[in-house]
Amino acid sequence: MTQLSDGTDRPGAPPHPAGNAADAQWPLILASHRTPEGRFLATTGKPLFRQATELRDRMAAAATRLAGATAALHYASRLASTRHAQHRGGNHPWPLRSVILVAIGAEVLTAYVAMEELVSSVALAVGLAVMTALVGAGTAGMIANRRLNGLRVPRAARILEGIFVTVLTLLRFESLDAQSGSTAASFGGAALAALISAIALLAIEEVVVETETFSVFASRLRLRFQRWQCAHAASRLARFQARAEAAGDQFHQHFLGFLVKADGLAVEEAWPRAQALREALFTRTGGGR
């Protein structure tokens, strides 16, 4: 640090320490009205001193916030990488799994057509339709799980899935035939319901295999949020640093003028002294300029 000297030979004026010793004695220098620094900060420089204190506190808080956001970003990045590495399926976004609910709903509706003529109670028909749809969705899910684990899907599982669709199709045909009385219409309706059921089961299986899990999706969302927070904290700190830079320039000019006019120092002698005071007031470790 530049040696601090008051530039005068006034008797009784306290000497200004040089080097690292000045860092520890700045509070004494600033509090003393016998030094140009103390007189300046007690008079015309008081508003600038308050501004410097406020900016230093804000920069320190912003730097702490940025450090915390950076640490959280690193943790979120590691977590997202770990979960992505452990994920066995595809990379399509998790919200696509909402298709599973649509497919189950389609299974319930088509299964209800098959059940409503078999039982006398509507509530029982609805219950059987829901159970049938869940069994079909569970079968598709188990087949998808074997595919995710790299295991061969047994032929028996595909045969059972085919039997499931076929039996439901026959029941739908009987139910539609009893209601409409037209064989062609009943056959067409049953065939359409069978097509819907088969596509629904296939959709459930493919969606489970090709989409990411909720934990992977949540970790990606968290990573994006932490990136935004980190960028926001860095931008906030940069704004305070820019304000401190401008305020430091203004402070330097005012104190330089004070030293030249009030203390009669030469500009060459006053300049390093003004610069030293500026650095002492506007620079803070971890959040300085």
Protein backbone atom coordinates (compact mmCIF):
# COMPACT_ATOMS: atom_id res chain seq x y z
CA MET A 1 0.00 0.00 0.00
CA THR A 2 1.20 3.55 -0.69
CA GLN A 3 2.85 5.22 2.28
CA LEU A 4 0.49 7.56 4.05
CA SER A 5 1.87 10.96 4.84
CA ASP A 6 -0.05 14.09 5.70
CA GLY A 7 2.26 16.13 3.46
CA THR A 8 2.91 18.76 6.14
CA ASP A 9 5.30 19.32 9.02
CA ARG A 10 2.64 20.46 11.47
CA PRO A 11 3.86 19.83 15.03
CA GLY A 12 1.86 17.27 16.93
CA ALA A 13 0.38 15.68 13.80
CA PRO A 14 0.35 11.89 14.16
CA PRO A 15 2.64 10.03 11.79
CA HIS A 16 1.00 7.90 9.11
CA PRO A 17 2.12 4.27 9.03
CA ALA A 18 3.31 2.69 5.84
CA GLY A 19 2.89 -0.74 4.33
CA ASN A 20 0.80 -3.38 6.05
CA ALA A 21 0.79 -1.45 9.31
CA ALA A 22 -1.50 1.13 7.71
CA ASP A 23 -4.24 -1.45 7.20
CA ALA A 24 -4.53 -2.01 10.94
CA GLN A 25 -4.29 1.70 11.80
CA TRP A 26 -6.80 3.03 9.27
CA PRO A 27 -9.58 3.25 11.89
CA LEU A 28 -7.35 5.45 14.09
CA ILE A 29 -6.40 7.64 11.15
CA LEU A 30 -10.00 8.10 10.05
CA ALA A 31 -11.24 8.81 13.56
CA SER A 32 -8.60 11.46 14.26
CA HIS A 33 -9.50 15.04 13.38
CA ARG A 34 -5.78 15.83 13.32
CA THR A 35 -5.35 14.01 9.99
CA PRO A 36 -6.62 15.23 6.63
CA GLU A 37 -8.55 11.96 6.26
CA GLY A 38 -10.32 12.42 9.57
CA ARG A 39 -11.13 16.07 8.88
CA PHE A 40 -12.43 15.29 5.40
CA LEU A 41 -14.67 12.45 6.56
CA ALA A 42 -16.01 14.55 9.43
CA THR A 43 -16.97 17.46 7.18
CA THR A 44 -17.51 17.51 3.42
CA GLY A 45 -16.74 13.83 2.95
CA LYS A 46 -19.28 12.52 5.47
CA PRO A 47 -22.02 11.75 2.87
CA LEU A 48 -19.46 10.00 0.68
CA PHE A 49 -18.22 8.00 3.67
CA ARG A 50 -21.77 6.86 4.44
CA GLN A 51 -22.20 5.86 0.81
CA ALA A 52 -18.93 3.90 0.89
CA THR A 53 -19.99 2.05 4.06
CA GLU A 54 -23.38 1.18 2.59
CA LEU A 55 -21.87 -0.05 -0.68
CA ARG A 56 -19.27 -2.17 1.10
CA ASP A 57 -21.95 -3.82 3.23
CA ARG A 58 -24.12 -4.48 0.19
CA MET A 59 -21.21 -5.88 -1.80
CA ALA A 60 -20.29 -8.16 1.09
CA ALA A 61 -23.89 -9.44 1.33
CA ALA A 62 -24.07 -9.88 -2.45
CA ALA A 63 -20.75 -11.76 -2.48
CA THR A 64 -21.99 -14.07 0.30
CA ARG A 65 -25.20 -14.68 -1.61
CA LEU A 66 -23.25 -15.44 -4.79
CA ALA A 67 -21.00 -17.88 -2.93
CA GLY A 68 -24.04 -19.70 -1.54
CA ALA A 69 -25.74 -19.78 -4.95
CA THR A 70 -22.55 -21.12 -6.55
CA ALA A 71 -22.26 -23.89 -3.96
CA ALA A 72 -25.93 -24.80 -4.47
CA LEU A 73 -25.40 -24.83 -8.24
CA HIS A 74 -22.46 -27.22 -7.94
CA TYR A 75 -24.50 -29.54 -5.70
CA ALA A 76 -27.49 -29.45 -8.07
CA SER A 77 -25.20 -30.16 -11.03
CA ARG A 78 -23.65 -33.18 -9.31
CA LEU A 79 -27.08 -34.47 -8.28
CA ALA A 80 -28.50 -34.09 -11.80
CA SER A 81 -25.47 -35.83 -13.31
CA THR A 82 -25.71 -38.71 -10.84
CA ARG A 83 -29.42 -39.28 -11.41
CA HIS A 84 -29.04 -39.01 -15.17
CA ALA A 85 -26.23 -41.60 -15.09
CA GLN A 86 -28.42 -43.97 -13.04
CA HIS A 87 -31.44 -43.49 -15.31
CA ARG A 88 -32.17 -46.53 -17.48
CA GLY A 89 -34.79 -45.15 -19.85
CA GLY A 90 -35.03 -42.54 -22.52
CA ASN A 91 -34.56 -38.80 -22.24
CA HIS A 92 -38.02 -37.58 -23.18
CA PRO A 93 -39.45 -35.21 -20.55
CA TRP A 94 -41.33 -36.67 -17.60
CA PRO A 95 -44.61 -34.72 -18.28
CA LEU A 96 -45.16 -37.02 -21.29
CA ARG A 97 -46.08 -39.67 -18.72
CA SER A 98 -49.43 -37.94 -18.44
CA VAL A 99 -50.24 -40.00 -21.55
CA ILE A 100 -50.43 -42.99 -19.20
CA LEU A 101 -53.44 -41.47 -17.44
CA VAL A 102 -55.14 -40.88 -20.78
CA ALA A 103 -54.43 -44.47 -21.83
CA ILE A 104 -55.80 -45.86 -18.56
CA GLY A 105 -58.90 -43.70 -18.98
CA ALA A 106 -59.40 -45.10 -22.47
CA GLU A 107 -59.04 -48.63 -21.08
CA VAL A 108 -61.61 -47.90 -18.40
CA LEU A 109 -64.15 -46.61 -20.92
CA THR A 110 -63.73 -49.47 -23.34
CA ALA A 111 -63.75 -52.02 -20.50
CA TYR A 112 -67.00 -50.53 -19.19
CA VAL A 113 -68.62 -51.28 -22.53
CA ALA A 114 -67.67 -54.92 -22.00
CA MET A 115 -68.89 -55.05 -18.39
CA GLU A 116 -72.17 -53.17 -18.41
CA GLU A 117 -74.16 -56.10 -19.84
CA LEU A 118 -72.48 -58.69 -17.65
CA VAL A 119 -73.59 -57.23 -14.32
CA SER A 120 -76.80 -55.59 -13.21
CA SER A 121 -75.20 -52.80 -11.16
CA VAL A 122 -73.61 -49.77 -12.77
CA ALA A 123 -71.27 -49.33 -9.80
CA LEU A 124 -70.08 -52.92 -10.16
CA ALA A 125 -69.55 -52.45 -13.88
CA VAL A 126 -67.48 -49.34 -13.23
CA GLY A 127 -65.46 -51.13 -10.57
CA LEU A 128 -64.74 -54.09 -12.87
CA ALA A 129 -63.81 -51.70 -15.70
CA VAL A 130 -61.36 -49.85 -13.47
CA MET A 131 -59.80 -53.08 -12.24
CA THR A 132 -59.51 -54.38 -15.79
CA ALA A 133 -57.82 -51.19 -16.95
CA LEU A 134 -55.37 -51.26 -14.03
CA VAL A 135 -54.50 -54.90 -14.75
CA GLY A 136 -53.79 -54.03 -18.36
CA ALA A 137 -51.69 -51.00 -17.41
CA GLY A 138 -49.81 -53.07 -14.82
CA THR A 139 -49.02 -55.72 -17.39
CA ALA A 140 -47.66 -53.08 -19.79
CA GLY A 141 -45.64 -51.58 -16.94
CA MET A 142 -44.06 -54.92 -16.00
CA ILE A 143 -43.10 -55.56 -19.62
CA ALA A 144 -41.58 -52.06 -19.80
CA ASN A 145 -39.61 -52.69 -16.61
CA ARG A 146 -38.04 -55.82 -18.09
CA ARG A 147 -37.04 -53.81 -21.15
CA LEU A 148 -35.49 -51.12 -18.95
CA ASN A 149 -33.46 -53.77 -17.12
CA GLY A 150 -32.17 -55.13 -20.40
CA LEU A 151 -34.06 -58.42 -19.98
CA ARG A 152 -35.81 -60.29 -22.74
CA VAL A 153 -39.58 -60.00 -22.64
CA PRO A 154 -41.01 -63.53 -22.32
CA ARG A 155 -43.20 -64.68 -25.16
CA ALA A 156 -45.77 -65.76 -22.59
CA ALA A 157 -46.16 -62.14 -21.49
CA ARG A 158 -47.01 -61.06 -25.02
CA ILE A 159 -49.42 -63.99 -25.36
CA LEU A 160 -51.17 -63.06 -22.12
CA GLU A 161 -51.42 -59.46 -23.32
CA GLY A 162 -52.99 -60.67 -26.56
CA ILE A 163 -55.44 -62.89 -24.66
CA PHE A 164 -56.37 -59.92 -22.46
CA VAL A 165 -57.24 -57.77 -25.49
CA THR A 166 -59.06 -60.62 -27.24
CA VAL A 167 -61.27 -61.52 -24.29
CA LEU A 168 -62.21 -57.89 -23.76
CA THR A 169 -63.00 -57.57 -27.46
CA LEU A 170 -65.38 -60.56 -27.34
CA LEU A 171 -67.09 -59.18 -24.24
CA ARG A 172 -67.48 -55.82 -25.93
CA PHE A 173 -68.96 -57.46 -28.98
CA GLU A 174 -71.53 -59.31 -26.89
CA SER A 175 -72.39 -56.15 -24.97
CA LEU A 176 -72.76 -54.04 -28.10
CA ASP A 177 -74.73 -56.73 -29.89
CA ALA A 178 -77.18 -56.90 -27.00
CA GLN A 179 -77.64 -53.15 -27.06
CA SER A 180 -77.76 -52.40 -30.78
CA GLY A 181 -79.07 -55.60 -32.29
CA SER A 182 -76.92 -55.07 -35.37
CA THR A 183 -74.08 -57.52 -35.84
CA ALA A 184 -72.13 -55.25 -38.20
CA ALA A 185 -72.35 -52.31 -35.81
CA SER A 186 -71.41 -54.49 -32.87
CA PHE A 187 -68.44 -55.94 -34.74
CA GLY A 188 -67.26 -52.50 -35.82
CA GLY A 189 -67.60 -51.10 -32.30
CA ALA A 190 -65.77 -54.05 -30.75
CA ALA A 191 -62.99 -53.81 -33.33
CA LEU A 192 -62.60 -50.10 -32.65
CA ALA A 193 -62.52 -50.71 -28.89
CA ALA A 194 -59.90 -53.45 -29.37
CA LEU A 195 -57.75 -51.08 -31.42
CA ILE A 196 -58.04 -48.40 -28.73
CA SER A 197 -57.14 -50.91 -26.02
CA ALA A 198 -54.11 -52.25 -27.90
CA ILE A 199 -52.81 -48.76 -28.66
CA ALA A 200 -53.34 -47.72 -25.03
CA LEU A 201 -51.32 -50.68 -23.71
CA LEU A 202 -48.56 -50.05 -26.25
CA ALA A 203 -48.52 -46.34 -25.37
CA ILE A 204 -48.15 -47.11 -21.65
CA GLU A 205 -45.23 -49.45 -22.32
CA GLU A 206 -43.39 -47.08 -24.67
CA VAL A 207 -43.91 -44.03 -22.48
CA VAL A 208 -42.49 -45.83 -19.43
CA VAL A 209 -39.44 -46.92 -21.45
CA GLU A 210 -38.74 -43.71 -23.35
CA THR A 211 -39.33 -41.03 -20.70
CA GLU A 212 -37.29 -39.91 -17.71
CA THR A 213 -38.38 -40.51 -14.13
CA PHE A 214 -39.74 -37.77 -11.90
CA SER A 215 -36.51 -37.65 -9.88
CA VAL A 216 -34.47 -36.96 -13.03
CA PHE A 217 -36.99 -34.35 -14.17
CA ALA A 218 -36.99 -32.67 -10.75
CA SER A 219 -33.18 -32.60 -10.62
CA ARG A 220 -33.07 -30.90 -14.04
CA LEU A 221 -35.60 -28.30 -12.91
CA ARG A 222 -33.59 -27.68 -9.75
CA LEU A 223 -30.41 -27.26 -11.80
CA ARG A 224 -32.08 -24.69 -14.05
CA PHE A 225 -33.38 -22.79 -11.04
CA GLN A 226 -29.96 -22.79 -9.36
CA ARG A 227 -28.37 -21.53 -12.57
CA TRP A 228 -30.85 -18.67 -12.66
CA GLN A 229 -30.21 -17.87 -8.99
CA CYS A 230 -26.44 -17.91 -9.54
CA ALA A 231 -26.70 -15.62 -12.57
CA HIS A 232 -29.01 -13.28 -10.66
CA ALA A 233 -26.61 -13.14 -7.68
CA ALA A 234 -23.64 -12.48 -9.99
CA SER A 235 -25.56 -9.71 -11.75
CA ARG A 236 -26.50 -8.16 -8.41
CA LEU A 237 -22.89 -8.18 -7.23
CA ALA A 238 -21.73 -6.69 -10.55
CA ARG A 239 -24.23 -3.83 -10.17
CA PHE A 240 -22.94 -3.00 -6.68
CA GLN A 241 -19.35 -3.20 -7.89
CA ALA A 242 -20.12 -0.79 -10.73
CA ARG A 243 -21.76 1.61 -8.28
CA ALA A 244 -18.79 1.31 -5.95
CA GLU A 245 -16.41 2.04 -8.86
CA ALA A 246 -18.30 5.20 -9.78
CA ALA A 247 -18.62 6.28 -6.14
CA GLY A 248 -14.91 5.59 -5.60
CA ASP A 249 -13.98 7.83 -8.54
CA GLN A 250 -16.17 10.59 -7.14
CA PHE A 251 -14.70 10.16 -3.66
CA HIS A 252 -11.15 10.23 -5.04
CA GLN A 253 -11.75 13.50 -6.86
CA HIS A 254 -13.36 15.17 -3.84
CA PHE A 255 -10.62 14.10 -1.43
CA LEU A 256 -7.92 15.03 -3.91
CA GLY A 257 -9.39 18.53 -4.15
CA PHE A 258 -9.60 18.72 -0.37
CA LEU A 259 -5.92 17.83 0.03
CA VAL A 260 -4.82 20.34 -2.58
CA LYS A 261 -7.01 23.25 -1.44
CA ALA A 262 -7.34 22.75 2.31
CA ASP A 263 -3.96 21.20 3.12
CA GLY A 264 -1.92 22.77 0.36
CA LEU A 265 -0.44 19.50 -0.90
CA ALA A 266 0.91 19.20 -4.40
CA VAL A 267 -1.19 17.11 -6.77
CA GLU A 268 1.64 14.57 -7.17
CA GLU A 269 1.75 14.06 -3.40
CA ALA A 270 -2.00 14.20 -2.83
CA TRP A 271 -2.90 11.71 -5.57
CA PRO A 272 -1.47 8.51 -3.98
CA ARG A 273 -2.90 9.53 -0.62
CA ALA A 274 -6.38 9.98 -2.09
CA GLN A 275 -6.02 6.68 -3.91
CA ALA A 276 -5.00 4.90 -0.69
CA LEU A 277 -8.06 6.22 1.16
CA ARG A 278 -10.29 5.25 -1.72
CA GLU A 279 -9.00 1.67 -1.66
CA ALA A 280 -9.41 1.49 2.10
CA LEU A 281 -13.04 2.56 1.91
CA PHE A 282 -14.26 0.98 -1.32
CA THR A 283 -12.38 -2.33 -1.37
CA ARG A 284 -13.37 -5.40 0.63
CA THR A 285 -11.96 -8.88 0.39
CA GLY A 286 -14.32 -11.17 -1.52
CA GLY A 287 -16.50 -8.32 -2.74
CA GLY A 288 -14.18 -5.59 -3.89
CA ARG A 289 -13.72 -3.89 -7.18
